[in-house]
Amino acid sequence: MANIISDETIEYVGILAKLELSEEEKENAKKDMGEMLDYIDKLNELDTTGIEPMSHVFPVHNVFREDVVKNGDGREETLANAPERKDDCFVVPKTI
């Protein structure tokens, strides 16, 4: 099942990818793209009846935690090493 990639296709892909390819690189890209398409054709020959489609190889679940404040905000510990502070803020040199 030799998939033949045209020069126009390689030019178009190069434009989309914003690549300037030499003639040798274009030939290599044609060969590589052809091999990829041949592999996809080979995969299409597999019998996948009864196999559930998946979107990811690992189980995906919500990894977000509840937004709950724990142990305060640590303000005092954060400001403990400040060279200079005013109220609950760091004092830093003025920059313009």
PDB file of N, CA and C in Angstrom:
ATOM      1  N   MET A   1       0.832  -1.193   0.000  1.00  0.00           N
ATOM      2  CA  MET A   1       0.000   0.000   0.000  1.00  0.00           C
ATOM      3  C   MET A   1       0.872   1.250   0.000  1.00  0.00           C
ATOM      4  N   ALA A   2       1.506   1.492  -1.034  1.00  0.00           N
ATOM      5  CA  ALA A   2       2.411   2.641  -1.077  1.00  0.00           C
ATOM      6  C   ALA A   2       1.613   3.927  -1.209  1.00  0.00           C
ATOM      7  N   ASN A   3       1.629   4.717  -0.167  1.00  0.00           N
ATOM      8  CA  ASN A   3       1.015   6.037  -0.219  1.00  0.00           C
ATOM      9  C   ASN A   3       2.015   6.980  -0.862  1.00  0.00           C
ATOM     10  N   ILE A   4       1.595   7.611  -1.927  1.00  0.00           N
ATOM     11  CA  ILE A   4       2.491   8.525  -2.627  1.00  0.00           C
ATOM     12  C   ILE A   4       2.111   9.948  -2.245  1.00  0.00           C
ATOM     13  N   ILE A   5       3.072  10.641  -1.690  1.00  0.00           N
ATOM     14  CA  ILE A   5       2.883  12.027  -1.272  1.00  0.00           C
ATOM     15  C   ILE A   5       3.421  12.918  -2.385  1.00  0.00           C
ATOM     16  N   SER A   6       2.612  13.860  -2.811  1.00  0.00           N
ATOM     17  CA  SER A   6       3.037  14.731  -3.911  1.00  0.00           C
ATOM     18  C   SER A   6       3.922  15.869  -3.404  1.00  0.00           C
ATOM     19  N   ASP A   7       4.654  16.453  -4.355  1.00  0.00           N
ATOM     20  CA  ASP A   7       5.487  17.609  -4.019  1.00  0.00           C
ATOM     21  C   ASP A   7       4.621  18.767  -3.521  1.00  0.00           C
ATOM     22  N   GLU A   8       3.425  18.901  -4.089  1.00  0.00           N
ATOM     23  CA  GLU A   8       2.513  19.978  -3.679  1.00  0.00           C
ATOM     24  C   GLU A   8       2.095  19.810  -2.219  1.00  0.00           C
ATOM     25  N   THR A   9       1.855  18.563  -1.818  1.00  0.00           N
ATOM     26  CA  THR A   9       1.477  18.299  -0.427  1.00  0.00           C
ATOM     27  C   THR A   9       2.603  18.688   0.517  1.00  0.00           C
ATOM     28  N   ILE A  10       3.829  18.334   0.171  1.00  0.00           N
ATOM     29  CA  ILE A  10       4.977  18.681   1.007  1.00  0.00           C
ATOM     30  C   ILE A  10       5.139  20.201   1.074  1.00  0.00           C
ATOM     31  N   GLU A  11       4.969  20.873  -0.073  1.00  0.00           N
ATOM     32  CA  GLU A  11       5.062  22.343  -0.093  1.00  0.00           C
ATOM     33  C   GLU A  11       4.000  22.948   0.824  1.00  0.00           C
ATOM     34  N   TYR A  12       2.771  22.417   0.723  1.00  0.00           N
ATOM     35  CA  TYR A  12       1.657  22.936   1.520  1.00  0.00           C
ATOM     36  C   TYR A  12       1.908  22.729   3.013  1.00  0.00           C
ATOM     37  N   VAL A  13       2.363  21.549   3.390  1.00  0.00           N
ATOM     38  CA  VAL A  13       2.675  21.266   4.794  1.00  0.00           C
ATOM     39  C   VAL A  13       3.796  22.181   5.274  1.00  0.00           C
ATOM     40  N   GLY A  14       4.792  22.402   4.430  1.00  0.00           N
ATOM     41  CA  GLY A  14       5.885  23.312   4.774  1.00  0.00           C
ATOM     42  C   GLY A  14       5.392  24.726   5.014  1.00  0.00           C
ATOM     43  N   ILE A  15       4.456  25.175   4.171  1.00  0.00           N
ATOM     44  CA  ILE A  15       3.880  26.521   4.347  1.00  0.00           C
ATOM     45  C   ILE A  15       3.107  26.587   5.653  1.00  0.00           C
ATOM     46  N   LEU A  16       2.292  25.563   5.921  1.00  0.00           N
ATOM     47  CA  LEU A  16       1.510  25.546   7.161  1.00  0.00           C
ATOM     48  C   LEU A  16       2.409  25.550   8.388  1.00  0.00           C
ATOM     49  N   ALA A  17       3.511  24.815   8.317  1.00  0.00           N
ATOM     50  CA  ALA A  17       4.433  24.714   9.452  1.00  0.00           C
ATOM     51  C   ALA A  17       5.451  25.848   9.460  1.00  0.00           C
ATOM     52  N   LYS A  18       5.372  26.711   8.435  1.00  0.00           N
ATOM     53  CA  LYS A  18       6.311  27.833   8.307  1.00  0.00           C
ATOM     54  C   LYS A  18       7.757  27.338   8.283  1.00  0.00           C
ATOM     55  N   LEU A  19       7.977  26.330   7.438  1.00  0.00           N
ATOM     56  CA  LEU A  19       9.310  25.747   7.292  1.00  0.00           C
ATOM     57  C   LEU A  19       9.824  25.982   5.884  1.00  0.00           C
ATOM     58  N   GLU A  20      11.094  26.241   5.791  1.00  0.00           N
ATOM     59  CA  GLU A  20      11.747  26.296   4.493  1.00  0.00           C
ATOM     60  C   GLU A  20      12.583  25.022   4.375  1.00  0.00           C
ATOM     61  N   LEU A  21      12.142  24.136   3.503  1.00  0.00           N
ATOM     62  CA  LEU A  21      12.793  22.836   3.373  1.00  0.00           C
ATOM     63  C   LEU A  21      13.662  22.797   2.128  1.00  0.00           C
ATOM     64  N   SER A  22      14.839  22.205   2.265  1.00  0.00           N
ATOM     65  CA  SER A  22      15.689  21.974   1.105  1.00  0.00           C
ATOM     66  C   SER A  22      15.092  20.816   0.308  1.00  0.00           C
ATOM     67  N   GLU A  23      15.600  20.592  -0.892  1.00  0.00           N
ATOM     68  CA  GLU A  23      15.088  19.497  -1.721  1.00  0.00           C
ATOM     69  C   GLU A  23      15.296  18.148  -1.034  1.00  0.00           C
ATOM     70  N   GLU A  24      16.445  17.993  -0.381  1.00  0.00           N
ATOM     71  CA  GLU A  24      16.722  16.746   0.330  1.00  0.00           C
ATOM     72  C   GLU A  24      15.742  16.553   1.490  1.00  0.00           C
ATOM     73  N   GLU A  25      15.460  17.626   2.221  1.00  0.00           N
ATOM     74  CA  GLU A  25      14.505  17.542   3.335  1.00  0.00           C
ATOM     75  C   GLU A  25      13.099  17.238   2.830  1.00  0.00           C
ATOM     76  N   LYS A  26      12.746  17.791   1.675  1.00  0.00           N
ATOM     77  CA  LYS A  26      11.425  17.511   1.093  1.00  0.00           C
ATOM     78  C   LYS A  26      11.312  16.034   0.727  1.00  0.00           C
ATOM     79  N   GLU A  27      12.360  15.483   0.144  1.00  0.00           N
ATOM     80  CA  GLU A  27      12.343  14.063  -0.215  1.00  0.00           C
ATOM     81  C   GLU A  27      12.241  13.187   1.026  1.00  0.00           C
ATOM     82  N   ASN A  28      12.992  13.539   2.069  1.00  0.00           N
ATOM     83  CA  ASN A  28      12.917  12.782   3.326  1.00  0.00           C
ATOM     84  C   ASN A  28      11.526  12.892   3.942  1.00  0.00           C
ATOM     85  N   ALA A  29      10.936  14.084   3.884  1.00  0.00           N
ATOM     86  CA  ALA A  29       9.598  14.287   4.446  1.00  0.00           C
ATOM     87  C   ALA A  29       8.569  13.467   3.667  1.00  0.00           C
ATOM     88  N   LYS A  30       8.697  13.433   2.342  1.00  0.00           N
ATOM     89  CA  LYS A  30       7.775  12.623   1.529  1.00  0.00           C
ATOM     90  C   LYS A  30       7.870  11.154   1.922  1.00  0.00           C
ATOM     91  N   LYS A  31       9.092  10.681   2.090  1.00  0.00           N
ATOM     92  CA  LYS A  31       9.310   9.282   2.463  1.00  0.00           C
ATOM     93  C   LYS A  31       8.709   9.014   3.848  1.00  0.00           C
ATOM     94  N   ASP A  32       8.999   9.895   4.820  1.00  0.00           N
ATOM     95  CA  ASP A  32       8.492   9.706   6.191  1.00  0.00           C
ATOM     96  C   ASP A  32       6.970   9.766   6.243  1.00  0.00           C
ATOM     97  N   MET A  33       6.370  10.727   5.536  1.00  0.00           N
ATOM     98  CA  MET A  33       4.911  10.829   5.541  1.00  0.00           C
ATOM     99  C   MET A  33       4.275   9.600   4.897  1.00  0.00           C
ATOM    100  N   GLY A  34       4.897   9.101   3.836  1.00  0.00           N
ATOM    101  CA  GLY A  34       4.397   7.890   3.192  1.00  0.00           C
ATOM    102  C   GLY A  34       4.429   6.703   4.138  1.00  0.00           C
ATOM    103  N   GLU A  35       5.528   6.571   4.882  1.00  0.00           N
ATOM    104  CA  GLU A  35       5.644   5.483   5.855  1.00  0.00           C
ATOM    105  C   GLU A  35       4.601   5.607   6.959  1.00  0.00           C
ATOM    106  N   MET A  36       4.346   6.837   7.402  1.00  0.00           N
ATOM    107  CA  MET A  36       3.320   7.041   8.443  1.00  0.00           C
ATOM    108  C   MET A  36       1.943   6.636   7.927  1.00  0.00           C
ATOM    109  N   LEU A  37       1.618   7.043   6.710  1.00  0.00           N
ATOM    110  CA  LEU A  37       0.313   6.692   6.145  1.00  0.00           C
ATOM    111  C   LEU A  37       0.194   5.191   5.917  1.00  0.00           C
ATOM    112  N   ASP A  38       1.292   4.551   5.507  1.00  0.00           N
ATOM    113  CA  ASP A  38       1.273   3.089   5.359  1.00  0.00           C
ATOM    114  C   ASP A  38       1.001   2.414   6.699  1.00  0.00           C
ATOM    115  N   TYR A  39       1.604   2.932   7.763  1.00  0.00           N
ATOM    116  CA  TYR A  39       1.388   2.362   9.098  1.00  0.00           C
ATOM    117  C   TYR A  39      -0.063   2.540   9.526  1.00  0.00           C
ATOM    118  N   ILE A  40      -0.629   3.695   9.247  1.00  0.00           N
ATOM    119  CA  ILE A  40      -2.037   3.936   9.595  1.00  0.00           C
ATOM    120  C   ILE A  40      -2.931   2.976   8.810  1.00  0.00           C
ATOM    121  N   ASP A  41      -2.611   2.764   7.531  1.00  0.00           N
ATOM    122  CA  ASP A  41      -3.380   1.793   6.743  1.00  0.00           C
ATOM    123  C   ASP A  41      -3.284   0.397   7.359  1.00  0.00           C
ATOM    124  N   LYS A  42      -2.109   0.047   7.834  1.00  0.00           N
ATOM    125  CA  LYS A  42      -1.911  -1.257   8.467  1.00  0.00           C
ATOM    126  C   LYS A  42      -2.772  -1.359   9.734  1.00  0.00           C
ATOM    127  N   LEU A  43      -2.809  -0.287  10.529  1.00  0.00           N
ATOM    128  CA  LEU A  43      -3.632  -0.288  11.738  1.00  0.00           C
ATOM    129  C   LEU A  43      -5.117  -0.409  11.403  1.00  0.00           C
ATOM    130  N   ASN A  44      -5.531   0.175  10.282  1.00  0.00           N
ATOM    131  CA  ASN A  44      -6.937   0.100   9.882  1.00  0.00           C
ATOM    132  C   ASN A  44      -7.361  -1.324   9.530  1.00  0.00           C
ATOM    133  N   GLU A  45      -6.403  -2.210   9.283  1.00  0.00           N
ATOM    134  CA  GLU A  45      -6.724  -3.603   8.979  1.00  0.00           C
ATOM    135  C   GLU A  45      -7.106  -4.394  10.223  1.00  0.00           C
ATOM    136  N   LEU A  46      -6.779  -3.885  11.403  1.00  0.00           N
ATOM    137  CA  LEU A  46      -7.069  -4.604  12.641  1.00  0.00           C
ATOM    138  C   LEU A  46      -8.563  -4.674  12.901  1.00  0.00           C
ATOM    139  N   ASP A  47      -9.005  -5.819  13.445  1.00  0.00           N
ATOM    140  CA  ASP A  47     -10.404  -5.980  13.829  1.00  0.00           C
ATOM    141  C   ASP A  47     -10.588  -5.412  15.236  1.00  0.00           C
ATOM    142  N   THR A  48     -11.300  -4.315  15.324  1.00  0.00           N
ATOM    143  CA  THR A  48     -11.502  -3.658  16.625  1.00  0.00           C
ATOM    144  C   THR A  48     -12.939  -3.801  17.117  1.00  0.00           C
ATOM    145  N   THR A  49     -13.651  -4.784  16.587  1.00  0.00           N
ATOM    146  CA  THR A  49     -15.022  -4.986  17.053  1.00  0.00           C
ATOM    147  C   THR A  49     -15.012  -5.381  18.524  1.00  0.00           C
ATOM    148  N   GLY A  50     -15.879  -4.747  19.284  1.00  0.00           N
ATOM    149  CA  GLY A  50     -16.004  -5.050  20.701  1.00  0.00           C
ATOM    150  C   GLY A  50     -14.965  -4.362  21.569  1.00  0.00           C
ATOM    151  N   ILE A  51     -14.120  -3.571  20.979  1.00  0.00           N
ATOM    152  CA  ILE A  51     -13.118  -2.850  21.767  1.00  0.00           C
ATOM    153  C   ILE A  51     -13.604  -1.426  21.966  1.00  0.00           C
ATOM    154  N   GLU A  52     -13.691  -1.043  23.239  1.00  0.00           N
ATOM    155  CA  GLU A  52     -14.219   0.277  23.560  1.00  0.00           C
ATOM    156  C   GLU A  52     -13.187   1.359  23.218  1.00  0.00           C
ATOM    157  N   PRO A  53     -13.619   2.396  22.491  1.00  0.00           N
ATOM    158  CA  PRO A  53     -12.693   3.486  22.181  1.00  0.00           C
ATOM    159  C   PRO A  53     -12.251   4.190  23.457  1.00  0.00           C
ATOM    160  N   MET A  54     -11.032   4.717  23.438  1.00  0.00           N
ATOM    161  CA  MET A  54     -10.551   5.448  24.608  1.00  0.00           C
ATOM    162  C   MET A  54      -9.901   6.747  24.148  1.00  0.00           C
ATOM    163  N   SER A  55      -9.909   7.718  25.036  1.00  0.00           N
ATOM    164  CA  SER A  55      -9.313   9.006  24.698  1.00  0.00           C
ATOM    165  C   SER A  55      -7.916   9.128  25.281  1.00  0.00           C
ATOM    166  N   HIS A  56      -7.582   8.250  26.222  1.00  0.00           N
ATOM    167  CA  HIS A  56      -6.283   8.323  26.873  1.00  0.00           C
ATOM    168  C   HIS A  56      -5.907   6.938  27.372  1.00  0.00           C
ATOM    169  N   VAL A  57      -4.621   6.635  27.416  1.00  0.00           N
ATOM    170  CA  VAL A  57      -4.219   5.302  27.854  1.00  0.00           C
ATOM    171  C   VAL A  57      -4.334   5.123  29.363  1.00  0.00           C
ATOM    172  N   PHE A  58      -4.326   6.213  30.104  1.00  0.00           N
ATOM    173  CA  PHE A  58      -4.482   6.149  31.552  1.00  0.00           C
ATOM    174  C   PHE A  58      -5.877   6.627  31.920  1.00  0.00           C
ATOM    175  N   PRO A  59      -6.443   6.108  33.013  1.00  0.00           N
ATOM    176  CA  PRO A  59      -7.754   6.595  33.417  1.00  0.00           C
ATOM    177  C   PRO A  59      -7.682   8.078  33.774  1.00  0.00           C
ATOM    178  N   VAL A  60      -8.610   8.835  33.229  1.00  0.00           N
ATOM    179  CA  VAL A  60      -8.620  10.273  33.471  1.00  0.00           C
ATOM    180  C   VAL A  60      -9.736  10.589  34.455  1.00  0.00           C
ATOM    181  N   HIS A  61      -9.392  11.331  35.479  1.00  0.00           N
ATOM    182  CA  HIS A  61     -10.396  11.767  36.435  1.00  0.00           C
ATOM    183  C   HIS A  61     -10.081  13.194  36.848  1.00  0.00           C
ATOM    184  N   ASN A  62     -11.026  13.831  37.475  1.00  0.00           N
ATOM    185  CA  ASN A  62     -10.849  15.214  37.893  1.00  0.00           C
ATOM    186  C   ASN A  62      -9.773  15.280  38.974  1.00  0.00           C
ATOM    187  N   VAL A  63      -8.701  15.996  38.693  1.00  0.00           N
ATOM    188  CA  VAL A  63      -7.592  16.072  39.631  1.00  0.00           C
ATOM    189  C   VAL A  63      -7.619  17.346  40.465  1.00  0.00           C
ATOM    190  N   PHE A  64      -8.649  18.165  40.261  1.00  0.00           N
ATOM    191  CA  PHE A  64      -8.737  19.405  41.016  1.00  0.00           C
ATOM    192  C   PHE A  64      -9.260  19.142  42.415  1.00  0.00           C
ATOM    193  N   ARG A  65      -8.729  19.848  43.372  1.00  0.00           N
ATOM    194  CA  ARG A  65      -9.193  19.713  44.747  1.00  0.00           C
ATOM    195  C   ARG A  65     -10.136  20.861  45.068  1.00  0.00           C
ATOM    196  N   GLU A  66     -10.844  20.706  46.121  1.00  0.00           N
ATOM    197  CA  GLU A  66     -11.699  21.786  46.581  1.00  0.00           C
ATOM    198  C   GLU A  66     -10.827  22.962  46.993  1.00  0.00           C
ATOM    199  N   ASP A  67     -11.270  24.161  46.722  1.00  0.00           N
ATOM    200  CA  ASP A  67     -10.527  25.362  47.085  1.00  0.00           C
ATOM    201  C   ASP A  67     -10.878  25.717  48.524  1.00  0.00           C
ATOM    202  N   VAL A  68     -10.137  25.118  49.457  1.00  0.00           N
ATOM    203  CA  VAL A  68     -10.401  25.305  50.872  1.00  0.00           C
ATOM    204  C   VAL A  68      -9.158  25.885  51.531  1.00  0.00           C
ATOM    205  N   VAL A  69      -9.328  26.942  52.321  1.00  0.00           N
ATOM    206  CA  VAL A  69      -8.207  27.539  53.029  1.00  0.00           C
ATOM    207  C   VAL A  69      -7.853  26.648  54.211  1.00  0.00           C
ATOM    208  N   LYS A  70      -6.573  26.302  54.302  1.00  0.00           N
ATOM    209  CA  LYS A  70      -6.122  25.467  55.401  1.00  0.00           C
ATOM    210  C   LYS A  70      -5.013  26.201  56.132  1.00  0.00           C
ATOM    211  N   ASN A  71      -5.031  26.161  57.439  1.00  0.00           N
ATOM    212  CA  ASN A  71      -3.984  26.740  58.271  1.00  0.00           C
ATOM    213  C   ASN A  71      -3.709  28.216  57.977  1.00  0.00           C
ATOM    214  N   GLY A  72      -4.709  28.967  57.650  1.00  0.00           N
ATOM    215  CA  GLY A  72      -4.525  30.402  57.414  1.00  0.00           C
ATOM    216  C   GLY A  72      -3.725  30.667  56.160  1.00  0.00           C
ATOM    217  N   ASP A  73      -3.278  31.914  56.017  1.00  0.00           N
ATOM    218  CA  ASP A  73      -2.558  32.282  54.800  1.00  0.00           C
ATOM    219  C   ASP A  73      -1.050  32.336  54.994  1.00  0.00           C
ATOM    220  N   GLY A  74      -0.540  32.095  56.177  1.00  0.00           N
ATOM    221  CA  GLY A  74       0.894  32.083  56.419  1.00  0.00           C
ATOM    222  C   GLY A  74       1.526  33.465  56.336  1.00  0.00           C
ATOM    223  N   ARG A  75       0.739  34.507  56.528  1.00  0.00           N
ATOM    224  CA  ARG A  75       1.227  35.879  56.394  1.00  0.00           C
ATOM    225  C   ARG A  75       2.382  36.168  57.343  1.00  0.00           C
ATOM    226  N   GLU A  76       2.216  35.794  58.587  1.00  0.00           N
ATOM    227  CA  GLU A  76       3.263  36.105  59.580  1.00  0.00           C
ATOM    228  C   GLU A  76       4.561  35.369  59.270  1.00  0.00           C
ATOM    229  N   GLU A  77       4.456  34.089  58.877  1.00  0.00           N
ATOM    230  CA  GLU A  77       5.650  33.335  58.541  1.00  0.00           C
ATOM    231  C   GLU A  77       6.337  33.922  57.305  1.00  0.00           C
ATOM    232  N   THR A  78       5.534  34.383  56.364  1.00  0.00           N
ATOM    233  CA  THR A  78       6.082  34.964  55.139  1.00  0.00           C
ATOM    234  C   THR A  78       6.813  36.263  55.437  1.00  0.00           C
ATOM    235  N   LEU A  79       6.238  37.096  56.273  1.00  0.00           N
ATOM    236  CA  LEU A  79       6.831  38.398  56.571  1.00  0.00           C
ATOM    237  C   LEU A  79       7.888  38.334  57.665  1.00  0.00           C
ATOM    238  N   ALA A  80       8.078  37.185  58.296  1.00  0.00           N
ATOM    239  CA  ALA A  80       9.008  37.081  59.422  1.00  0.00           C
ATOM    240  C   ALA A  80      10.435  37.454  59.025  1.00  0.00           C
ATOM    241  N   ASN A  81      10.860  37.151  57.821  1.00  0.00           N
ATOM    242  CA  ASN A  81      12.219  37.434  57.377  1.00  0.00           C
ATOM    243  C   ASN A  81      12.333  38.704  56.548  1.00  0.00           C
ATOM    244  N   ALA A  82      11.283  39.491  56.494  1.00  0.00           N
ATOM    245  CA  ALA A  82      11.321  40.720  55.698  1.00  0.00           C
ATOM    246  C   ALA A  82      12.270  41.717  56.341  1.00  0.00           C
ATOM    247  N   PRO A  83      13.182  42.310  55.547  1.00  0.00           N
ATOM    248  CA  PRO A  83      14.090  43.307  56.116  1.00  0.00           C
ATOM    249  C   PRO A  83      13.324  44.523  56.645  1.00  0.00           C
ATOM    250  N   GLU A  84      12.250  44.862  55.957  1.00  0.00           N
ATOM    251  CA  GLU A  84      11.428  45.988  56.405  1.00  0.00           C
ATOM    252  C   GLU A  84       9.994  45.705  55.998  1.00  0.00           C
ATOM    253  N   ARG A  85       9.058  46.016  56.885  1.00  0.00           N
ATOM    254  CA  ARG A  85       7.658  45.798  56.581  1.00  0.00           C
ATOM    255  C   ARG A  85       6.813  46.920  57.119  1.00  0.00           C
ATOM    256  N   LYS A  86       5.687  47.128  56.510  1.00  0.00           N
ATOM    257  CA  LYS A  86       4.729  48.137  56.960  1.00  0.00           C
ATOM    258  C   LYS A  86       3.371  47.460  56.947  1.00  0.00           C
ATOM    259  N   ASP A  87       2.729  47.434  58.077  1.00  0.00           N
ATOM    260  CA  ASP A  87       1.479  46.707  58.253  1.00  0.00           C
ATOM    261  C   ASP A  87       1.702  45.248  57.848  1.00  0.00           C
ATOM    262  N   ASP A  88       0.978  44.771  56.888  1.00  0.00           N
ATOM    263  CA  ASP A  88       1.132  43.381  56.453  1.00  0.00           C
ATOM    264  C   ASP A  88       1.758  43.295  55.061  1.00  0.00           C
ATOM    265  N   CYS A  89       2.677  44.215  54.753  1.00  0.00           N
ATOM    266  CA  CYS A  89       3.290  44.253  53.423  1.00  0.00           C
ATOM    267  C   CYS A  89       4.800  44.364  53.527  1.00  0.00           C
ATOM    268  N   PHE A  90       5.492  43.924  52.486  1.00  0.00           N
ATOM    269  CA  PHE A  90       6.923  44.137  52.368  1.00  0.00           C
ATOM    270  C   PHE A  90       7.156  45.589  51.959  1.00  0.00           C
ATOM    271  N   VAL A  91       8.217  46.197  52.460  1.00  0.00           N
ATOM    272  CA  VAL A  91       8.636  47.517  52.001  1.00  0.00           C
ATOM    273  C   VAL A  91       9.830  47.304  51.088  1.00  0.00           C
ATOM    274  N   VAL A  92       9.710  47.802  49.850  1.00  0.00           N
ATOM    275  CA  VAL A  92      10.772  47.624  48.860  1.00  0.00           C
ATOM    276  C   VAL A  92      11.164  48.987  48.302  1.00  0.00           C
ATOM    277  N   PRO A  93      12.350  49.107  47.724  1.00  0.00           N
ATOM    278  CA  PRO A  93      12.752  50.379  47.139  1.00  0.00           C
ATOM    279  C   PRO A  93      11.829  50.767  46.001  1.00  0.00           C
ATOM    280  N   LYS A  94      11.604  52.067  45.849  1.00  0.00           N
ATOM    281  CA  LYS A  94      10.761  52.580  44.769  1.00  0.00           C
ATOM    282  C   LYS A  94      11.501  52.415  43.445  1.00  0.00           C
ATOM    283  N   THR A  95      10.801  51.920  42.442  1.00  0.00           N
ATOM    284  CA  THR A  95      11.390  51.774  41.114  1.00  0.00           C
ATOM    285  C   THR A  95      10.513  52.508  40.107  1.00  0.00           C
ATOM    286  N   ILE A  96      11.156  53.046  39.103  1.00  0.00           N
ATOM    287  CA  ILE A  96      10.385  53.770  38.076  1.00  0.00           C
ATOM    288  C   ILE A  96      10.726  53.208  36.726  1.00  0.00           C
TER     289      ILE A  96
END
